């Protein structure tokens, strides 16, 4: 592979990594709202208090 393409390829790899991270974060944020209903129940606090 010609050396002139190395920086461009590395930039593309970083772009793909950033895109994947943003997608995972988006999924986590979207699911937080629905999971929060269960996380905030008193039964959950009681179940986890000894850990």
Protein backbone atom coordinates (compact mmCIF):
# COMPACT_ATOMS: atom_id res chain seq x y z
CA UNK A 1 0.00 0.00 0.00
CA UNK A 2 1.43 3.40 -0.90
CA UNK A 3 2.58 5.39 2.12
CA UNK A 4 0.59 8.41 0.97
CA UNK A 5 -2.66 6.59 1.87
CA UNK A 6 -1.70 5.66 5.45
CA UNK A 7 -3.00 8.87 7.07
CA UNK A 8 -6.23 8.72 5.08
CA UNK A 9 -6.82 5.10 6.07
CA UNK A 10 -6.13 5.85 9.74
CA UNK A 11 -8.58 8.76 9.60
CA UNK A 12 -11.22 6.48 8.11
CA UNK A 13 -10.65 3.87 10.82
CA UNK A 14 -11.03 6.56 13.50
CA UNK A 15 -14.22 7.74 11.80
CA UNK A 16 -15.65 4.20 11.90
CA UNK A 17 -14.70 3.78 15.56
CA UNK A 18 -16.32 7.10 16.46
CA UNK A 19 -19.45 6.23 14.50
CA UNK A 20 -19.74 2.87 16.27
CA UNK A 21 -19.28 4.52 19.67
CA UNK A 22 -21.94 7.13 18.89
CA UNK A 23 -24.37 4.40 17.84
CA UNK A 24 -23.78 2.46 21.07
CA UNK A 25 -24.22 5.60 23.14
CA UNK A 26 -27.44 6.41 21.29
CA UNK A 27 -28.78 2.95 22.08
CA UNK A 28 -27.80 3.27 25.73
CA UNK A 29 -29.44 6.67 26.07
CA UNK A 30 -32.60 5.50 24.32
CA UNK A 31 -32.91 2.44 26.54
CA UNK A 32 -32.24 4.40 29.73
CA UNK A 33 -35.70 5.94 29.68
CA UNK A 34 -37.47 2.60 29.54
CA UNK A 35 -35.13 0.91 32.02
CA UNK A 36 -35.34 3.81 34.46
CA UNK A 37 -38.88 2.73 35.37
CA UNK A 38 -37.51 -0.50 36.81
CA UNK A 39 -34.30 0.94 38.23
CA UNK A 40 -36.15 3.45 40.38
CA UNK A 41 -38.49 0.97 42.05
CA UNK A 42 -38.10 0.52 45.81
CA UNK A 43 -37.82 -3.25 45.26
CA UNK A 44 -34.69 -2.68 43.18
CA UNK A 45 -33.08 -0.58 45.90
CA UNK A 46 -33.84 -3.30 48.41
CA UNK A 47 -32.50 -6.05 46.16
CA UNK A 48 -29.18 -4.26 45.58
CA UNK A 49 -28.56 -2.72 49.00
CA UNK A 50 -26.22 -5.49 50.20
CA UNK A 51 -23.97 -5.51 47.13
